[in-house]
């Protein structure tokens, strides 16, 4: 079951990347919308990763207590 979920996530990621490339080449409106959502999701992931690194450097984690 977990393999199917992971395959679905990978398929969504690949589909999002394809839409980003297609949108750059002037694809239809729905492709540009999917590309915008994909890029926004990438920004969220990058921001959360940088926050996680910053917390690790400061020595503060959610496990402290």
PDB file of N, CA and C in Angstrom:
ATOM      1  N   UNK A   1       0.814  -1.191   0.000  1.00  0.00           N
ATOM      2  CA  UNK A   1       0.000   0.000   0.000  1.00  0.00           C
ATOM      3  C   UNK A   1       0.860   1.258   0.000  1.00  0.00           C
ATOM      4  N   UNK A   2       1.912   1.255   0.820  1.00  0.00           N
ATOM      5  CA  UNK A   2       2.783   2.425   0.895  1.00  0.00           C
ATOM      6  C   UNK A   2       3.495   2.659  -0.433  1.00  0.00           C
ATOM      7  N   UNK A   3       3.768   1.577  -1.150  1.00  0.00           N
ATOM      8  CA  UNK A   3       4.430   1.709  -2.450  1.00  0.00           C
ATOM      9  C   UNK A   3       3.522   2.455  -3.422  1.00  0.00           C
ATOM     10  N   UNK A   4       2.231   2.192  -3.378  1.00  0.00           N
ATOM     11  CA  UNK A   4       1.294   2.895  -4.254  1.00  0.00           C
ATOM     12  C   UNK A   4       1.225   4.380  -3.923  1.00  0.00           C
ATOM     13  N   UNK A   5       1.266   4.699  -2.641  1.00  0.00           N
ATOM     14  CA  UNK A   5       1.255   6.107  -2.233  1.00  0.00           C
ATOM     15  C   UNK A   5       2.514   6.809  -2.721  1.00  0.00           C
ATOM     16  N   UNK A   6       3.652   6.160  -2.546  1.00  0.00           N
ATOM     17  CA  UNK A   6       4.910   6.758  -2.998  1.00  0.00           C
ATOM     18  C   UNK A   6       4.940   6.914  -4.520  1.00  0.00           C
ATOM     19  N   UNK A   7       4.426   5.929  -5.234  1.00  0.00           N
ATOM     20  CA  UNK A   7       4.352   6.047  -6.692  1.00  0.00           C
ATOM     21  C   UNK A   7       3.445   7.203  -7.106  1.00  0.00           C
ATOM     22  N   UNK A   8       2.365   7.405  -6.374  1.00  0.00           N
ATOM     23  CA  UNK A   8       1.481   8.533  -6.653  1.00  0.00           C
ATOM     24  C   UNK A   8       2.162   9.862  -6.432  1.00  0.00           C
ATOM     25  N   UNK A   9       2.931   9.972  -5.354  1.00  0.00           N
ATOM     26  CA  UNK A   9       3.662  11.210  -5.069  1.00  0.00           C
ATOM     27  C   UNK A   9       4.701  11.474  -6.153  1.00  0.00           C
ATOM     28  N   UNK A  10       5.404  10.445  -6.565  1.00  0.00           N
ATOM     29  CA  UNK A  10       6.406  10.601  -7.618  1.00  0.00           C
ATOM     30  C   UNK A  10       5.739  10.998  -8.932  1.00  0.00           C
ATOM     31  N   UNK A  11       4.602  10.399  -9.240  1.00  0.00           N
ATOM     32  CA  UNK A  11       3.885  10.752 -10.475  1.00  0.00           C
ATOM     33  C   UNK A  11       3.429  12.205 -10.446  1.00  0.00           C
ATOM     34  N   UNK A  12       2.944  12.667  -9.296  1.00  0.00           N
ATOM     35  CA  UNK A  12       2.549  14.072  -9.186  1.00  0.00           C
ATOM     36  C   UNK A  12       3.743  15.010  -9.349  1.00  0.00           C
ATOM     37  N   UNK A  13       4.877  14.643  -8.769  1.00  0.00           N
ATOM     38  CA  UNK A  13       6.070  15.482  -8.887  1.00  0.00           C
ATOM     39  C   UNK A  13       6.553  15.550 -10.330  1.00  0.00           C
ATOM     40  N   UNK A  14       6.590  14.412 -10.992  1.00  0.00           N
ATOM     41  CA  UNK A  14       7.025  14.392 -12.397  1.00  0.00           C
ATOM     42  C   UNK A  14       6.042  15.169 -13.267  1.00  0.00           C
ATOM     43  N   UNK A  15       4.750  14.970 -13.023  1.00  0.00           N
ATOM     44  CA  UNK A  15       3.742  15.714 -13.781  1.00  0.00           C
ATOM     45  C   UNK A  15       3.864  17.216 -13.570  1.00  0.00           C
ATOM     46  N   UNK A  16       4.150  17.634 -12.340  1.00  0.00           N
ATOM     47  CA  UNK A  16       4.353  19.056 -12.066  1.00  0.00           C
ATOM     48  C   UNK A  16       5.553  19.610 -12.794  1.00  0.00           C
ATOM     49  N   UNK A  17       6.630  18.849 -12.832  1.00  0.00           N
ATOM     50  CA  UNK A  17       7.828  19.295 -13.555  1.00  0.00           C
ATOM     51  C   UNK A  17       7.557  19.408 -15.054  1.00  0.00           C
ATOM     52  N   UNK A  18       6.823  18.458 -15.586  1.00  0.00           N
ATOM     53  CA  UNK A  18       6.467  18.517 -17.005  1.00  0.00           C
ATOM     54  C   UNK A  18       5.628  19.758 -17.285  1.00  0.00           C
ATOM     55  N   UNK A  19       4.702  20.069 -16.386  1.00  0.00           N
ATOM     56  CA  UNK A  19       3.869  21.256 -16.580  1.00  0.00           C
ATOM     57  C   UNK A  19       4.681  22.545 -16.501  1.00  0.00           C
ATOM     58  N   UNK A  20       5.692  22.583 -15.644  1.00  0.00           N
ATOM     59  CA  UNK A  20       6.540  23.776 -15.558  1.00  0.00           C
ATOM     60  C   UNK A  20       7.264  23.995 -16.879  1.00  0.00           C
ATOM     61  N   UNK A  21       7.817  22.933 -17.438  1.00  0.00           N
ATOM     62  CA  UNK A  21       8.526  23.060 -18.716  1.00  0.00           C
ATOM     63  C   UNK A  21       7.554  23.437 -19.827  1.00  0.00           C
ATOM     64  N   UNK A  22       6.399  22.813 -19.851  1.00  0.00           N
ATOM     65  CA  UNK A  22       5.412  23.085 -20.888  1.00  0.00           C
ATOM     66  C   UNK A  22       4.903  24.528 -20.773  1.00  0.00           C
ATOM     67  N   UNK A  23       4.710  25.012 -19.558  1.00  0.00           N
ATOM     68  CA  UNK A  23       4.241  26.382 -19.357  1.00  0.00           C
ATOM     69  C   UNK A  23       5.279  27.386 -19.837  1.00  0.00           C
ATOM     70  N   UNK A  24       6.554  27.072 -19.648  1.00  0.00           N
ATOM     71  CA  UNK A  24       7.613  27.957 -20.138  1.00  0.00           C
ATOM     72  C   UNK A  24       7.583  28.080 -21.652  1.00  0.00           C
ATOM     73  N   UNK A  25       7.103  27.051 -22.300  1.00  0.00           N
ATOM     74  CA  UNK A  25       7.019  27.065 -23.761  1.00  0.00           C
ATOM     75  C   UNK A  25       5.677  27.566 -24.260  1.00  0.00           C
ATOM     76  N   UNK A  26       4.831  28.061 -23.349  1.00  0.00           N
ATOM     77  CA  UNK A  26       3.568  28.654 -23.747  1.00  0.00           C
ATOM     78  C   UNK A  26       2.407  27.692 -23.808  1.00  0.00           C
ATOM     79  N   UNK A  27       2.279  26.856 -22.832  1.00  0.00           N
ATOM     80  CA  UNK A  27       1.198  25.884 -22.798  1.00  0.00           C
ATOM     81  C   UNK A  27      -0.148  26.517 -22.492  1.00  0.00           C
ATOM     82  N   UNK A  28      -1.180  25.701 -22.449  1.00  0.00           N
ATOM     83  CA  UNK A  28      -2.515  26.219 -22.153  1.00  0.00           C
ATOM     84  C   UNK A  28      -2.627  26.751 -20.715  1.00  0.00           C
ATOM     85  N   UNK A  29      -3.745  27.380 -20.431  1.00  0.00           N
ATOM     86  CA  UNK A  29      -3.935  28.041 -19.139  1.00  0.00           C
ATOM     87  C   UNK A  29      -3.860  27.061 -17.974  1.00  0.00           C
ATOM     88  N   UNK A  30      -4.442  25.868 -18.123  1.00  0.00           N
ATOM     89  CA  UNK A  30      -4.439  24.919 -17.014  1.00  0.00           C
ATOM     90  C   UNK A  30      -3.029  24.442 -16.711  1.00  0.00           C
ATOM     91  N   UNK A  31      -2.182  24.377 -17.743  1.00  0.00           N
ATOM     92  CA  UNK A  31      -0.791  23.970 -17.522  1.00  0.00           C
ATOM     93  C   UNK A  31      -0.059  25.050 -16.740  1.00  0.00           C
ATOM     94  N   UNK A  32      -0.335  26.310 -17.071  1.00  0.00           N
ATOM     95  CA  UNK A  32       0.305  27.403 -16.331  1.00  0.00           C
ATOM     96  C   UNK A  32      -0.147  27.416 -14.878  1.00  0.00           C
ATOM     97  N   UNK A  33      -1.414  27.058 -14.628  1.00  0.00           N
ATOM     98  CA  UNK A  33      -1.914  26.999 -13.249  1.00  0.00           C
ATOM     99  C   UNK A  33      -1.229  25.878 -12.467  1.00  0.00           C
ATOM    100  N   UNK A  34      -1.098  24.715 -13.083  1.00  0.00           N
ATOM    101  CA  UNK A  34      -0.421  23.594 -12.413  1.00  0.00           C
ATOM    102  C   UNK A  34       1.047  23.929 -12.174  1.00  0.00           C
ATOM    103  N   UNK A  35       1.668  24.592 -13.139  1.00  0.00           N
ATOM    104  CA  UNK A  35       3.071  24.986 -12.983  1.00  0.00           C
ATOM    105  C   UNK A  35       3.232  25.972 -11.826  1.00  0.00           C
ATOM    106  N   UNK A  36       2.308  26.914 -11.706  1.00  0.00           N
ATOM    107  CA  UNK A  36       2.376  27.878 -10.604  1.00  0.00           C
ATOM    108  C   UNK A  36       2.230  27.181  -9.258  1.00  0.00           C
ATOM    109  N   UNK A  37       1.323  26.209  -9.170  1.00  0.00           N
ATOM    110  CA  UNK A  37       1.160  25.458  -7.919  1.00  0.00           C
ATOM    111  C   UNK A  37       2.409  24.636  -7.604  1.00  0.00           C
ATOM    112  N   UNK A  38       3.018  24.067  -8.638  1.00  0.00           N
ATOM    113  CA  UNK A  38       4.230  23.274  -8.433  1.00  0.00           C
ATOM    114  C   UNK A  38       5.369  24.146  -7.925  1.00  0.00           C
ATOM    115  N   UNK A  39       5.535  25.311  -8.523  1.00  0.00           N
ATOM    116  CA  UNK A  39       6.601  26.219  -8.091  1.00  0.00           C
ATOM    117  C   UNK A  39       6.342  26.733  -6.678  1.00  0.00           C
ATOM    118  N   UNK A  40       5.086  27.006  -6.353  1.00  0.00           N
ATOM    119  CA  UNK A  40       4.751  27.458  -4.998  1.00  0.00           C
ATOM    120  C   UNK A  40       5.040  26.359  -3.979  1.00  0.00           C
ATOM    121  N   UNK A  41       4.716  25.122  -4.313  1.00  0.00           N
ATOM    122  CA  UNK A  41       5.002  24.008  -3.407  1.00  0.00           C
ATOM    123  C   UNK A  41       6.511  23.857  -3.202  1.00  0.00           C
ATOM    124  N   UNK A  42       7.281  24.065  -4.260  1.00  0.00           N
ATOM    125  CA  UNK A  42       8.737  24.005  -4.134  1.00  0.00           C
ATOM    126  C   UNK A  42       9.272  25.070  -3.207  1.00  0.00           C
ATOM    127  N   UNK A  43       8.696  26.272  -3.286  1.00  0.00           N
ATOM    128  CA  UNK A  43       9.128  27.350  -2.393  1.00  0.00           C
ATOM    129  C   UNK A  43       8.818  27.017  -0.940  1.00  0.00           C
ATOM    130  N   UNK A  44       7.657  26.430  -0.705  1.00  0.00           N
ATOM    131  CA  UNK A  44       7.277  26.056   0.661  1.00  0.00           C
ATOM    132  C   UNK A  44       8.245  25.015   1.207  1.00  0.00           C
ATOM    133  N   UNK A  45       8.591  24.038   0.395  1.00  0.00           N
ATOM    134  CA  UNK A  45       9.521  22.995   0.845  1.00  0.00           C
ATOM    135  C   UNK A  45      10.891  23.584   1.127  1.00  0.00           C
ATOM    136  N   UNK A  46      11.369  24.462   0.237  1.00  0.00           N
ATOM    137  CA  UNK A  46      12.679  25.079   0.466  1.00  0.00           C
ATOM    138  C   UNK A  46      12.677  25.930   1.727  1.00  0.00           C
ATOM    139  N   UNK A  47      11.600  26.682   1.953  1.00  0.00           N
ATOM    140  CA  UNK A  47      11.523  27.538   3.133  1.00  0.00           C
ATOM    141  C   UNK A  47      11.497  26.701   4.408  1.00  0.00           C
ATOM    142  N   UNK A  48      10.750  25.621   4.410  1.00  0.00           N
ATOM    143  CA  UNK A  48      10.691  24.790   5.611  1.00  0.00           C
ATOM    144  C   UNK A  48      12.034  24.113   5.870  1.00  0.00           C
ATOM    145  N   UNK A  49      12.721  23.730   4.806  1.00  0.00           N
ATOM    146  CA  UNK A  49      14.033  23.107   4.978  1.00  0.00           C
ATOM    147  C   UNK A  49      15.047  24.109   5.526  1.00  0.00           C
ATOM    148  N   UNK A  50      15.003  25.351   5.038  1.00  0.00           N
ATOM    149  CA  UNK A  50      15.942  26.348   5.549  1.00  0.00           C
ATOM    150  C   UNK A  50      15.623  26.688   6.999  1.00  0.00           C
ATOM    151  N   UNK A  51      14.331  26.713   7.369  1.00  0.00           N
ATOM    152  CA  UNK A  51      13.970  26.942   8.771  1.00  0.00           C
ATOM    153  C   UNK A  51      14.451  25.797   9.647  1.00  0.00           C
ATOM    154  N   UNK A  52      14.360  24.585   9.151  1.00  0.00           N
ATOM    155  CA  UNK A  52      14.814  23.427   9.918  1.00  0.00           C
ATOM    156  C   UNK A  52      16.326  23.495  10.129  1.00  0.00           C
ATOM    157  N   UNK A  53      17.053  23.881   9.098  1.00  0.00           N
ATOM    158  CA  UNK A  53      18.513  23.996   9.243  1.00  0.00           C
ATOM    159  C   UNK A  53      18.868  25.097  10.226  1.00  0.00           C
ATOM    160  N   UNK A  54      18.160  26.224  10.121  1.00  0.00           N
ATOM    161  CA  UNK A  54      18.440  27.347  10.999  1.00  0.00           C
ATOM    162  C   UNK A  54      18.192  26.966  12.452  1.00  0.00           C
ATOM    163  N   UNK A  55      17.137  26.226  12.729  1.00  0.00           N
ATOM    164  CA  UNK A  55      16.866  25.791  14.092  1.00  0.00           C
ATOM    165  C   UNK A  55      17.951  24.850  14.594  1.00  0.00           C
ATOM    166  N   UNK A  56      18.460  24.007  13.709  1.00  0.00           N
ATOM    167  CA  UNK A  56      19.534  23.098  14.100  1.00  0.00           C
ATOM    168  C   UNK A  56      20.805  23.839  14.439  1.00  0.00           C
ATOM    169  N   UNK A  57      21.095  24.924  13.717  1.00  0.00           N
ATOM    170  CA  UNK A  57      22.292  25.706  13.994  1.00  0.00           C
ATOM    171  C   UNK A  57      22.168  26.462  15.303  1.00  0.00           C
ATOM    172  N   UNK A  58      20.982  26.902  15.654  1.00  0.00           N
ATOM    173  CA  UNK A  58      20.779  27.636  16.893  1.00  0.00           C
ATOM    174  C   UNK A  58      20.694  26.730  18.113  1.00  0.00           C
ATOM    175  N   UNK A  59      20.574  25.445  17.883  1.00  0.00           N
ATOM    176  CA  UNK A  59      20.499  24.511  18.981  1.00  0.00           C
ATOM    177  C   UNK A  59      19.096  24.348  19.554  1.00  0.00           C
ATOM    178  N   UNK A  60      18.101  24.953  18.903  1.00  0.00           N
ATOM    179  CA  UNK A  60      16.727  24.829  19.384  1.00  0.00           C
ATOM    180  C   UNK A  60      15.984  23.892  18.467  1.00  0.00           C
ATOM    181  N   UNK A  61      15.417  22.861  19.041  1.00  0.00           N
ATOM    182  CA  UNK A  61      14.608  21.929  18.279  1.00  0.00           C
ATOM    183  C   UNK A  61      13.297  21.713  19.006  1.00  0.00           C
ATOM    184  N   UNK A  62      12.354  21.105  18.326  1.00  0.00           N
ATOM    185  CA  UNK A  62      11.066  20.833  18.947  1.00  0.00           C
ATOM    186  C   UNK A  62      11.170  19.711  19.988  1.00  0.00           C
ATOM    187  N   UNK A  63      12.282  18.957  20.002  1.00  0.00           N
ATOM    188  CA  UNK A  63      12.455  17.867  20.954  1.00  0.00           C
ATOM    189  C   UNK A  63      12.968  18.343  22.302  1.00  0.00           C
ATOM    190  N   UNK A  64      13.443  19.611  22.360  1.00  0.00           N
ATOM    191  CA  UNK A  64      13.939  20.144  23.634  1.00  0.00           C
ATOM    192  C   UNK A  64      12.772  20.336  24.582  1.00  0.00           C
ATOM    193  N   UNK A  65      12.982  20.030  25.820  1.00  0.00           N
ATOM    194  CA  UNK A  65      11.862  20.285  26.681  1.00  0.00           C
ATOM    195  C   UNK A  65      12.101  19.870  28.049  1.00  0.00           C
TER     196      UNK A  65
END
